[in-house]
Amino acid sequence: MPGHGGRDSLVHHLLDEAVAAAPTSPAVSDASGRWSYARLDEYSRAFADWLAAQGLGPGDRLVVHLPTNRELTALFYGASRRGVVFVPLNPNMKEFHLRSVLENAEAALVVCAEGRQGTFEELVDVPVHPFGGVWSEVEKIASRGPDAQAAVDVAPDTPAVLVYTSGSTAAPKAVVCPHAQIAFATRAMVEVLGYRPDDVVFCRFPMSWDYGLYKVLMCAVGRSEIRLADGESDLRLLTALSESGATVVPIVPSLATMIATLTRRFDGPAPRIRMFTNTGAALPRATIDTLREAFPGVRVVRQFGQTECKRVSIMPPLEDGERPDSVGLPLPGTRVLILGDDGEQVPVGEVGEIVAVGPHVMPGYWRNPELTARAFRRHAATGEPCLHTGDYGHLDEDGYLYFQGRRDDMFKRKGIRMSTIEIESAAMDIPGVRHAAALPPTDRHDLALFVESELAAPVVLRELAARLEPQKVPAVCRVLGEFPLTLHGKNEKKQLAELLDGSQK
């Protein structure tokens, strides 16, 4: 069972354990090179020394606005060693959102990409350091040996990271992620997924998203190598997978669809991938089938989670072909409750709100007590921390979870309760549809569907009618040449709604 709250519950302890067990093993690589665990350790300690020289200590927030590369992992672990709260922001975040995020985070210091110093100095009145100068100093410290006094141990329940989520509102929302919860969730996920010392985890996601951030930590626990590939060109994706020796590839549906499409015309050496892990949204079955055909013996692992507890459930890899509609079992040491509107547990098989219970549940949102009180509560009987996810689903008799959709995804139309998830899944089952997003009815429009495809809209609707009950067939279908996606590769439904409303004026 993963530890919680003990001596091994600080973020940098995960790296310390990897260094002690496998100092010369590859730890992290990117397009520029590779570091061993010992080398990553040296740079993390040097950065902790640099932070101490800037006057930063436990509890101070460090905002980083940088690409995801080897150096960023050293900054991450180094901040942990100094007790500094790491606040990674997506390097594509625009000034409009940066302004509100920086105000919310109350940073003590900012490290940004070259050429962005002026932008940040207009937004904050704290020191702003371009990365080049920072890294030059870190290398000097590493070469002479850092000051052991710069590293401090903090309480496991203190924040290690603030993760700003891409919510539907303009207001920034950061999940407070303490050391203990991060360490627990990391160990639990590795226990289920079985990362190995010979694994190369090919990660296309930035560390500003917890999906990318945790991969760094999970590789340390598994003594695996992480290949940071956020900047890799889509055109040479399969070549990069092959050249890197990738064995594990975290995906979201848009990336999975891209890989599946590319495999059909790739004539290079086949990557030796043994496992895909999916989150963000359900993978279409056709995409799963294509991945299994292209990579014989591969496991395609379904997962469900939220940043607020990192991961709710994982389908055990050896069971990836079973219960195709399930998103798996709760993490070891955690539970999932399905609650009705009255707050009571509903019978097995009935749909209710998914509530995660256990030591992976974060304490709340940074400087947002109202939202915190709504989502983060205590179990009435046991006092355990609970996360009310706002997502709906059910459990089967064996405890496997089935995701139905978010509260906003579920609606009644023509007397029938339905979810946008099932409509999107049916659309993705149509050959030639690469992306699909359904918008529930509002006072401005009826049930609508957007697809990325060369098929004509009437053809898509006719195919849907063959797959769904009449009440679930959208009133309108819009075909797009290219789908708008969020920074994390999810459907940008807000933009789609604006397109729909604009077209109906």
Protein backbone atom coordinates (compact mmCIF):
# COMPACT_ATOMS: atom_id res chain seq x y z
CA MET A 1 0.00 0.00 0.00
CA PRO A 2 1.42 3.44 -0.88
CA GLY A 3 2.76 5.38 2.08
CA HIS A 4 1.00 8.50 3.28
CA GLY A 5 2.31 11.24 5.52
CA GLY A 6 5.62 9.60 6.49
CA ARG A 7 9.28 10.26 5.85
CA ASP A 8 8.88 9.23 2.19
CA SER A 9 6.03 11.64 1.51
CA LEU A 10 7.84 14.68 0.08
CA VAL A 11 8.04 15.15 -3.67
CA HIS A 12 11.83 15.16 -3.82
CA HIS A 13 12.01 11.97 -1.75
CA LEU A 14 10.70 10.16 -4.85
CA LEU A 15 13.80 11.35 -6.68
CA ASP A 16 16.06 10.57 -3.71
CA GLU A 17 14.88 6.95 -3.72
CA ALA A 18 15.53 6.63 -7.46
CA VAL A 19 19.03 8.10 -7.07
CA ALA A 20 19.82 5.68 -4.24
CA ALA A 21 18.57 2.67 -6.24
CA ALA A 22 19.66 3.54 -9.80
CA PRO A 23 21.97 6.58 -9.94
CA THR A 24 23.31 5.91 -13.43
CA SER A 25 20.00 4.89 -15.02
CA PRO A 26 18.44 7.29 -17.56
CA ALA A 27 16.00 9.61 -15.79
CA VAL A 28 14.88 12.24 -18.27
CA SER A 29 15.51 12.99 -21.93
CA ASP A 30 14.35 15.55 -24.44
CA ALA A 31 15.31 16.64 -27.95
CA SER A 32 18.63 17.99 -26.63
CA GLY A 33 19.91 15.06 -24.61
CA ARG A 34 19.55 12.78 -21.60
CA TRP A 35 20.35 12.92 -17.87
CA SER A 36 20.84 10.11 -15.39
CA TYR A 37 19.09 10.18 -12.04
CA ALA A 38 22.34 11.30 -10.41
CA ARG A 39 22.68 14.23 -12.84
CA LEU A 40 19.05 15.29 -12.34
CA ASP A 41 19.67 15.13 -8.59
CA GLU A 42 22.72 17.42 -8.86
CA TYR A 43 20.83 20.04 -10.82
CA SER A 44 17.81 19.90 -8.49
CA ARG A 45 20.06 20.57 -5.50
CA ALA A 46 21.81 23.39 -7.35
CA PHE A 47 18.47 25.02 -8.12
CA ALA A 48 17.44 24.74 -4.46
CA ASP A 49 20.67 26.60 -3.65
CA TRP A 50 19.80 29.27 -6.25
CA LEU A 51 16.34 29.72 -4.72
CA ALA A 52 17.88 30.13 -1.27
CA ALA A 53 20.20 32.82 -2.65
CA GLN A 54 17.11 34.68 -3.96
CA GLY A 55 15.58 34.57 -0.49
CA LEU A 56 12.84 32.07 -1.30
CA GLY A 57 11.85 29.57 1.36
CA PRO A 58 9.04 27.27 2.48
CA GLY A 59 5.62 28.36 1.28
CA ASP A 60 6.81 30.94 -1.27
CA ARG A 61 5.27 30.53 -4.72
CA LEU A 62 7.60 30.14 -7.70
CA VAL A 63 5.86 30.75 -11.04
CA VAL A 64 7.53 29.12 -14.05
CA HIS A 65 6.41 29.92 -17.60
CA LEU A 66 8.66 27.61 -19.59
CA PRO A 67 8.68 24.77 -22.11
CA THR A 68 8.69 21.27 -20.66
CA ASN A 69 12.25 19.99 -20.91
CA ARG A 70 14.96 18.41 -18.75
CA GLU A 71 15.75 21.67 -17.02
CA LEU A 72 12.15 22.14 -15.93
CA THR A 73 12.20 18.80 -14.10
CA ALA A 74 15.28 19.97 -12.18
CA LEU A 75 13.48 23.20 -11.25
CA PHE A 76 10.50 21.16 -10.06
CA TYR A 77 12.51 18.90 -7.76
CA GLY A 78 14.70 21.80 -6.65
CA ALA A 79 11.69 23.84 -5.57
CA SER A 80 10.51 20.86 -3.53
CA ARG A 81 13.91 20.61 -1.81
CA ARG A 82 13.61 24.24 -0.76
CA GLY A 83 9.99 23.91 0.38
CA VAL A 84 8.98 26.36 -2.36
CA VAL A 85 5.57 25.90 -4.03
CA PHE A 86 6.01 25.12 -7.73
CA VAL A 87 3.49 26.92 -9.98
CA PRO A 88 3.94 25.74 -13.60
CA LEU A 89 2.01 27.70 -16.22
CA ASN A 90 1.43 26.57 -19.77
CA PRO A 91 3.93 28.42 -21.99
CA ASN A 92 1.07 29.08 -24.44
CA MET A 93 -0.98 30.92 -21.82
CA LYS A 94 -1.79 34.40 -23.10
CA GLU A 95 -1.48 37.68 -21.24
CA PHE A 96 -5.25 37.86 -20.61
CA HIS A 97 -5.12 34.73 -18.44
CA LEU A 98 -1.62 35.35 -17.11
CA ARG A 99 -2.76 38.56 -15.47
CA SER A 100 -5.47 36.92 -13.36
CA VAL A 101 -3.40 33.82 -12.59
CA LEU A 102 -0.42 35.84 -11.38
CA GLU A 103 -2.65 37.95 -9.18
CA ASN A 104 -4.21 34.82 -7.72
CA ALA A 105 -0.92 32.97 -7.15
CA GLU A 106 0.84 35.86 -5.36
CA ALA A 107 4.21 34.75 -6.69
CA ALA A 108 7.44 35.53 -4.86
CA LEU A 109 9.48 35.11 -8.07
CA VAL A 110 8.93 34.33 -11.75
CA VAL A 111 11.17 32.37 -14.12
CA CYS A 112 10.15 32.84 -17.75
CA ALA A 113 11.37 32.12 -21.26
CA GLU A 114 13.85 34.43 -22.95
CA GLY A 115 12.13 37.47 -24.40
CA ARG A 116 9.17 37.35 -22.01
CA GLN A 117 10.72 39.28 -19.11
CA GLY A 118 9.13 42.59 -20.11
CA THR A 119 5.65 41.06 -20.25
CA PHE A 120 5.94 39.65 -16.75
CA GLU A 121 7.51 42.76 -15.27
CA GLU A 122 4.41 44.66 -16.38
CA LEU A 123 2.18 42.12 -14.63
CA VAL A 124 4.00 41.57 -11.30
CA ASP A 125 6.11 43.60 -8.91
CA VAL A 126 8.34 40.69 -7.87
CA PRO A 127 11.67 39.60 -9.40
CA VAL A 128 11.40 38.19 -12.93
CA HIS A 129 14.31 36.07 -14.20
CA PRO A 130 14.77 34.91 -17.81
CA PHE A 131 15.59 31.23 -17.86
CA GLY A 132 18.99 31.55 -19.55
CA GLY A 133 20.50 33.55 -16.73
CA VAL A 134 18.99 31.27 -14.09
CA TRP A 135 20.32 28.12 -15.71
CA SER A 136 23.79 29.61 -16.13
CA GLU A 137 23.89 30.17 -12.36
CA VAL A 138 22.51 26.68 -11.66
CA GLU A 139 25.27 25.10 -13.74
CA LYS A 140 27.90 27.08 -11.84
CA ILE A 141 26.47 25.95 -8.51
CA ALA A 142 26.31 22.34 -9.71
CA SER A 143 29.95 22.42 -10.79
CA ARG A 144 31.18 23.65 -7.42
CA GLY A 145 28.67 21.70 -5.31
CA PRO A 146 25.52 23.19 -3.76
CA ASP A 147 25.14 24.29 -0.14
CA ALA A 148 23.58 21.45 1.85
CA GLN A 149 21.83 24.04 4.03
CA ALA A 150 19.70 25.19 1.08
CA ALA A 151 17.58 22.04 1.21
CA VAL A 152 14.92 21.92 3.91
CA ASP A 153 12.31 19.33 4.78
CA VAL A 154 8.77 20.58 5.25
CA ALA A 155 5.65 18.95 6.63
CA PRO A 156 4.04 16.48 4.18
CA ASP A 157 0.73 18.35 4.35
CA THR A 158 2.22 21.59 3.01
CA PRO A 159 1.64 22.54 -0.65
CA ALA A 160 4.20 21.37 -3.20
CA VAL A 161 2.42 22.49 -6.37
CA LEU A 162 -0.42 24.74 -7.48
CA VAL A 163 -2.00 23.33 -10.63
CA TYR A 164 -4.14 25.81 -12.54
CA THR A 165 -6.91 23.94 -14.28
CA SER A 166 -8.55 24.91 -17.56
CA GLY A 167 -12.06 25.39 -16.25
CA SER A 168 -15.05 26.83 -18.03
CA THR A 169 -14.90 30.16 -16.21
CA ALA A 170 -12.50 33.05 -16.77
CA ALA A 171 -11.54 33.15 -13.09
CA PRO A 172 -8.33 31.23 -12.29
CA LYS A 173 -8.73 28.04 -10.29
CA ALA A 174 -5.67 26.39 -8.78
CA VAL A 175 -5.78 23.01 -7.07
CA VAL A 176 -3.57 22.94 -3.98
CA CYS A 177 -1.45 19.79 -4.20
CA PRO A 178 0.41 18.92 -0.97
CA HIS A 179 3.48 16.68 -0.89
CA ALA A 180 1.68 13.78 0.86
CA GLN A 181 -1.22 13.60 -1.61
CA ILE A 182 1.13 13.83 -4.60
CA ALA A 183 3.42 11.10 -3.25
CA PHE A 184 0.50 8.82 -2.35
CA ALA A 185 -1.20 9.18 -5.74
CA THR A 186 2.08 8.69 -7.60
CA ARG A 187 2.94 5.47 -5.79
CA ALA A 188 -0.61 4.15 -6.14
CA MET A 189 -0.70 4.75 -9.89
CA VAL A 190 2.66 3.07 -10.42
CA GLU A 191 1.49 0.12 -8.32
CA VAL A 192 -1.41 -0.43 -10.73
CA LEU A 193 0.24 0.50 -14.03
CA GLY A 194 3.50 -1.30 -13.32
CA TYR A 195 6.11 1.14 -14.63
CA ARG A 196 9.43 -0.72 -14.98
CA PRO A 197 13.14 0.22 -15.03
CA ASP A 198 13.31 -0.67 -18.73
CA ASP A 199 10.36 1.61 -19.64
CA VAL A 200 10.67 4.78 -21.67
CA VAL A 201 7.56 6.90 -21.09
CA PHE A 202 6.98 9.17 -24.08
CA CYS A 203 5.08 12.22 -22.81
CA ARG A 204 3.62 14.82 -25.17
CA PHE A 205 2.01 16.82 -22.37
CA PRO A 206 3.38 19.88 -20.54
CA MET A 207 4.20 19.82 -16.84
CA SER A 208 1.68 22.63 -16.39
CA TRP A 209 -0.95 19.89 -16.76
CA ASP A 210 -0.97 17.35 -13.96
CA TYR A 211 -1.08 14.54 -16.55
CA GLY A 212 2.41 15.57 -17.65
CA LEU A 213 3.67 16.56 -14.21
CA TYR A 214 2.87 13.22 -12.58
CA LYS A 215 4.56 11.29 -15.37
CA VAL A 216 7.87 12.79 -14.19
CA LEU A 217 7.18 11.54 -10.67
CA MET A 218 5.84 8.15 -11.74
CA CYS A 219 8.99 7.50 -13.75
CA ALA A 220 11.09 8.18 -10.64
CA VAL A 221 9.08 5.62 -8.66
CA GLY A 222 9.33 3.09 -11.51
CA ARG A 223 13.04 3.92 -12.10
CA SER A 224 11.90 4.53 -15.68
CA GLU A 225 13.04 7.13 -18.21
CA ILE A 226 10.69 9.93 -19.22
CA ARG A 227 11.05 11.30 -22.73
CA LEU A 228 9.69 14.85 -22.70
CA ALA A 229 8.23 15.37 -26.18
CA ASP A 230 5.88 18.33 -25.75
CA GLY A 231 7.69 20.12 -28.58
CA GLU A 232 7.89 17.20 -31.02
CA SER A 233 6.46 17.83 -34.48
CA ASP A 234 3.25 15.97 -35.26
CA LEU A 235 4.68 15.00 -38.65
CA ARG A 236 7.54 12.96 -37.17
CA LEU A 237 5.65 11.64 -34.17
CA LEU A 238 5.97 7.93 -35.01
CA THR A 239 9.64 8.38 -35.91
CA ALA A 240 10.22 10.03 -32.52
CA LEU A 241 8.36 7.21 -30.78
CA SER A 242 10.56 4.66 -32.53
CA GLU A 243 13.87 6.50 -32.04
CA SER A 244 13.23 7.13 -28.35
CA GLY A 245 12.53 3.45 -27.62
CA ALA A 246 9.15 4.41 -26.18
CA THR A 247 7.34 1.61 -24.36
CA VAL A 248 4.60 3.58 -22.55
CA VAL A 249 2.65 6.44 -24.14
CA PRO A 250 0.14 8.58 -22.21
CA ILE A 251 -2.59 9.76 -24.59
CA VAL A 252 -5.79 11.76 -24.86
CA PRO A 253 -8.30 11.02 -27.63
CA SER A 254 -6.92 13.65 -30.04
CA LEU A 255 -3.37 12.26 -29.72
CA ALA A 256 -4.63 8.68 -29.97
CA THR A 257 -6.50 9.51 -33.19
CA MET A 258 -3.35 11.14 -34.60
CA ILE A 259 -1.21 8.09 -33.79
CA ALA A 260 -3.83 5.74 -35.24
CA THR A 261 -3.97 7.81 -38.45
CA LEU A 262 -0.19 8.03 -38.80
CA THR A 263 0.33 4.28 -38.34
CA ARG A 264 -1.61 3.60 -41.53
CA ARG A 265 1.07 5.27 -43.67
CA PHE A 266 4.21 4.87 -41.54
CA ASP A 267 6.94 2.78 -43.15
CA GLY A 268 9.68 3.14 -40.54
CA PRO A 269 10.64 0.69 -37.79
CA ALA A 270 7.63 -0.02 -35.57
CA PRO A 271 7.80 1.51 -32.09
CA ARG A 272 7.91 -1.13 -29.31
CA ILE A 273 5.05 0.34 -27.30
CA ARG A 274 3.62 -2.03 -24.68
CA MET A 275 1.04 0.29 -23.07
CA PHE A 276 -1.07 3.35 -23.86
CA THR A 277 -2.75 5.10 -20.93
CA ASN A 278 -5.71 7.34 -21.65
CA THR A 279 -7.43 10.11 -19.72
CA GLY A 280 -9.26 13.36 -20.45
CA ALA A 281 -12.15 11.75 -22.31
CA ALA A 282 -13.22 8.30 -23.45
CA LEU A 283 -11.33 6.72 -26.34
CA PRO A 284 -13.51 5.71 -29.29
CA ARG A 285 -13.55 1.95 -29.70
CA ALA A 286 -12.48 2.28 -33.33
CA THR A 287 -9.34 4.12 -32.20
CA ILE A 288 -8.59 1.46 -29.59
CA ASP A 289 -8.99 -1.24 -32.23
CA THR A 290 -6.60 0.60 -34.57
CA LEU A 291 -3.97 0.97 -31.84
CA ARG A 292 -4.19 -2.72 -30.97
CA GLU A 293 -3.85 -3.68 -34.61
CA ALA A 294 -0.87 -1.38 -35.17
CA PHE A 295 0.94 -2.39 -31.97
CA PRO A 296 0.36 -6.13 -31.42
CA GLY A 297 0.01 -7.07 -27.77
CA VAL A 298 -0.30 -3.45 -26.60
CA ARG A 299 -2.44 -2.64 -23.56
CA VAL A 300 -4.78 0.34 -23.92
CA VAL A 301 -5.55 1.39 -20.35
CA ARG A 302 -8.59 3.48 -19.55
CA GLN A 303 -8.40 5.88 -16.59
CA PHE A 304 -10.63 8.43 -14.95
CA GLY A 305 -9.57 11.29 -12.75
CA GLN A 306 -9.52 14.93 -11.80
CA THR A 307 -6.64 17.13 -10.71
CA GLU A 308 -8.49 17.52 -7.40
CA CYS A 309 -7.51 13.95 -6.46
CA LYS A 310 -5.25 13.20 -9.42
CA ARG A 311 -6.74 9.82 -10.30
CA VAL A 312 -10.06 8.25 -9.35
CA SER A 313 -9.79 4.89 -11.12
CA ILE A 314 -7.64 2.83 -13.47
CA MET A 315 -8.57 -0.27 -15.47
CA PRO A 316 -5.90 -2.84 -14.55
CA PRO A 317 -3.68 -3.27 -17.65
CA LEU A 318 -4.21 -7.03 -17.81
CA GLU A 319 -7.96 -6.40 -17.98
CA ASP A 320 -7.86 -3.76 -20.70
CA GLY A 321 -10.00 -5.87 -23.02
CA GLU A 322 -12.69 -6.53 -20.41
CA ARG A 323 -15.69 -4.39 -19.41
CA PRO A 324 -15.10 -2.02 -22.35
CA ASP A 325 -17.38 0.69 -20.94
CA SER A 326 -15.68 0.79 -17.53
CA VAL A 327 -12.96 3.21 -16.41
CA GLY A 328 -11.60 0.72 -13.91
CA LEU A 329 -11.16 0.26 -10.18
CA PRO A 330 -10.42 2.89 -7.52
CA LEU A 331 -6.75 3.47 -6.72
CA PRO A 332 -5.29 1.19 -4.02
CA GLY A 333 -6.06 2.67 -0.61
CA THR A 334 -9.00 4.73 -1.89
CA ARG A 335 -12.74 4.30 -2.40
CA VAL A 336 -15.42 5.54 -4.76
CA LEU A 337 -18.95 6.30 -3.57
CA ILE A 338 -21.94 6.91 -5.82
CA LEU A 339 -24.31 9.34 -4.13
CA GLY A 340 -27.85 10.41 -4.97
CA ASP A 341 -29.22 13.95 -4.72
CA ASP A 342 -29.99 13.30 -1.05
CA GLY A 343 -26.33 12.54 -0.30
CA GLU A 344 -27.00 8.85 0.34
CA GLN A 345 -25.34 6.00 -1.51
CA VAL A 346 -27.42 4.62 -4.37
CA PRO A 347 -27.80 0.89 -5.13
CA VAL A 348 -25.28 -0.90 -7.35
CA GLY A 349 -25.92 -0.09 -11.00
CA GLU A 350 -27.76 3.18 -10.36
CA VAL A 351 -26.32 6.47 -11.58
CA GLY A 352 -25.27 9.13 -9.09
CA GLU A 353 -22.48 11.60 -8.38
CA ILE A 354 -18.99 10.09 -8.28
CA VAL A 355 -17.31 10.87 -4.94
CA ALA A 356 -13.66 9.99 -4.37
CA VAL A 357 -12.59 9.14 -0.81
CA GLY A 358 -9.04 8.72 0.47
CA PRO A 359 -5.59 10.19 1.02
CA HIS A 360 -5.28 11.27 -2.63
CA VAL A 361 -7.95 13.96 -2.16
CA MET A 362 -6.41 17.44 -2.24
CA PRO A 363 -7.36 20.01 0.42
CA GLY A 364 -9.02 22.51 -1.92
CA TYR A 365 -8.58 25.43 -4.28
CA TRP A 366 -6.03 28.17 -3.67
CA ARG A 367 -7.63 31.28 -2.19
CA ASN A 368 -11.14 30.11 -3.11
CA PRO A 369 -13.03 28.98 0.00
CA GLU A 370 -16.45 28.99 -1.68
CA LEU A 371 -15.50 26.55 -4.42
CA THR A 372 -13.49 24.51 -1.93
CA ALA A 373 -16.48 24.08 0.38
CA ARG A 374 -18.61 22.88 -2.51
CA ALA A 375 -16.24 20.18 -3.83
CA PHE A 376 -14.09 19.15 -0.84
CA ARG A 377 -15.94 17.71 2.14
CA ARG A 378 -15.60 15.12 4.90
CA HIS A 379 -17.25 11.71 4.96
CA ALA A 380 -20.04 11.96 7.50
CA ALA A 381 -19.31 8.58 9.11
CA THR A 382 -15.51 8.34 8.96
CA GLY A 383 -14.28 11.91 8.63
CA GLU A 384 -12.19 10.96 5.59
CA PRO A 385 -11.59 13.63 2.95
CA CYS A 386 -14.05 13.38 0.05
CA LEU A 387 -14.05 14.95 -3.37
CA HIS A 388 -17.46 15.58 -4.89
CA THR A 389 -16.40 15.40 -8.52
CA GLY A 390 -19.51 16.78 -10.20
CA ASP A 391 -19.23 13.76 -12.50
CA TYR A 392 -21.87 11.07 -12.73
CA GLY A 393 -21.61 7.32 -13.12
CA HIS A 394 -22.27 3.98 -11.48
CA LEU A 395 -20.47 1.00 -9.96
CA ASP A 396 -21.06 -2.62 -10.91
CA GLU A 397 -21.23 -5.53 -8.47
CA ASP A 398 -17.45 -5.98 -8.61
CA GLY A 399 -16.68 -2.34 -7.84
CA TYR A 400 -15.73 -1.23 -11.37
CA LEU A 401 -16.62 2.36 -12.19
CA TYR A 402 -18.58 3.48 -15.25
CA PHE A 403 -18.44 7.16 -16.20
CA GLN A 404 -21.68 8.69 -17.46
CA GLY A 405 -20.72 12.36 -17.81
CA ARG A 406 -20.49 15.67 -16.01
CA ARG A 407 -23.54 17.33 -14.56
CA ASP A 408 -23.37 19.76 -17.51
CA ASP A 409 -23.13 16.82 -19.95
CA MET A 410 -26.38 15.22 -18.76
CA PHE A 411 -29.78 16.46 -19.84
CA LYS A 412 -33.33 15.45 -20.75
CA ARG A 413 -34.62 15.76 -24.29
CA LYS A 414 -38.03 14.61 -25.47
CA GLY A 415 -38.55 12.94 -22.10
CA ILE A 416 -35.35 10.86 -22.28
CA ARG A 417 -32.30 11.35 -20.04
CA MET A 418 -29.06 11.25 -21.99
CA SER A 419 -25.44 12.37 -21.98
CA THR A 420 -23.30 14.13 -24.55
CA ILE A 421 -20.74 11.37 -23.94
CA GLU A 422 -22.88 8.65 -25.51
CA ILE A 423 -23.73 10.85 -28.50
CA GLU A 424 -20.04 11.64 -29.08
CA SER A 425 -19.14 7.98 -28.78
CA ALA A 426 -21.72 7.05 -31.39
CA ALA A 427 -20.42 9.76 -33.72
CA MET A 428 -16.83 8.55 -33.31
CA ASP A 429 -18.00 5.06 -34.30
CA ILE A 430 -18.79 6.39 -37.79
CA PRO A 431 -15.91 5.67 -40.22
CA GLY A 432 -14.41 8.96 -41.35
CA VAL A 433 -15.25 10.97 -38.20
CA ARG A 434 -11.99 12.05 -36.50
CA HIS A 435 -13.39 14.23 -33.70
CA ALA A 436 -16.87 14.80 -32.28
CA ALA A 437 -18.42 17.07 -29.68
CA ALA A 438 -22.08 17.29 -28.71
CA LEU A 439 -23.62 20.38 -27.16
CA PRO A 440 -26.73 19.87 -25.01
CA PRO A 441 -29.87 21.89 -25.71
CA THR A 442 -30.11 25.44 -24.38
CA ASP A 443 -32.63 28.24 -24.77
CA ARG A 444 -30.64 29.29 -27.87
CA HIS A 445 -30.27 25.98 -29.71
CA ASP A 446 -31.39 22.34 -29.76
CA LEU A 447 -29.05 19.37 -29.32
CA ALA A 448 -26.13 19.98 -31.68
CA LEU A 449 -23.15 17.99 -32.92
CA PHE A 450 -19.80 19.15 -34.30
CA VAL A 451 -17.58 16.71 -36.17
CA GLU A 452 -14.23 16.86 -37.92
CA SER A 453 -14.69 14.85 -41.09
CA GLU A 454 -14.91 14.90 -44.87
CA LEU A 455 -18.42 13.45 -44.58
CA ALA A 456 -21.39 15.71 -45.23
CA ALA A 457 -23.58 16.65 -42.25
CA PRO A 458 -26.67 14.75 -43.52
CA VAL A 459 -24.55 11.60 -43.86
CA VAL A 460 -23.33 11.91 -40.26
CA LEU A 461 -26.88 12.39 -38.96
CA ARG A 462 -28.13 9.42 -40.99
CA GLU A 463 -25.36 7.24 -39.57
CA LEU A 464 -26.18 8.44 -36.05
CA ALA A 465 -29.84 7.54 -36.57
CA ALA A 466 -28.70 3.97 -37.18
CA ARG A 467 -26.85 3.94 -33.86
CA LEU A 468 -29.03 5.94 -31.46
CA GLU A 469 -32.65 6.21 -30.39
CA PRO A 470 -34.50 8.97 -32.29
CA GLN A 471 -34.55 11.29 -29.26
CA LYS A 472 -30.75 11.21 -29.09
CA VAL A 473 -30.09 12.18 -32.70
CA PRO A 474 -28.97 15.84 -32.80
CA ALA A 475 -31.14 18.42 -34.51
CA VAL A 476 -28.16 19.96 -36.22
CA CYS A 477 -24.69 18.82 -37.30
CA ARG A 478 -21.80 21.11 -38.24
CA VAL A 479 -18.77 19.73 -40.08
CA LEU A 480 -15.40 21.35 -39.39
CA GLY A 481 -12.13 20.98 -41.27
CA GLU A 482 -10.18 21.31 -38.02
CA PHE A 483 -11.40 20.95 -34.45
CA PRO A 484 -10.71 23.58 -31.78
CA LEU A 485 -8.95 21.93 -28.83
CA THR A 486 -7.89 23.17 -25.41
CA LEU A 487 -4.21 23.39 -24.46
CA HIS A 488 -4.63 19.86 -23.03
CA GLY A 489 -6.08 18.38 -26.21
CA LYS A 490 -9.70 18.30 -25.07
CA ASN A 491 -12.68 19.57 -27.08
CA GLU A 492 -13.02 23.35 -26.75
CA LYS A 493 -16.79 23.33 -26.29
CA LYS A 494 -17.04 26.99 -25.31
CA GLN A 495 -15.64 27.98 -28.71
CA LEU A 496 -17.96 25.51 -30.43
CA ALA A 497 -20.96 27.02 -28.66
CA GLU A 498 -19.92 30.47 -29.87
CA LEU A 499 -19.65 29.13 -33.42
CA LEU A 500 -23.12 27.64 -33.16
CA ASP A 501 -24.72 30.72 -31.62
CA GLY A 502 -23.06 32.94 -34.21
CA SER A 503 -24.30 30.81 -37.10
CA GLN A 504 -27.88 31.02 -35.87
CA LYS A 505 -28.07 34.81 -35.61
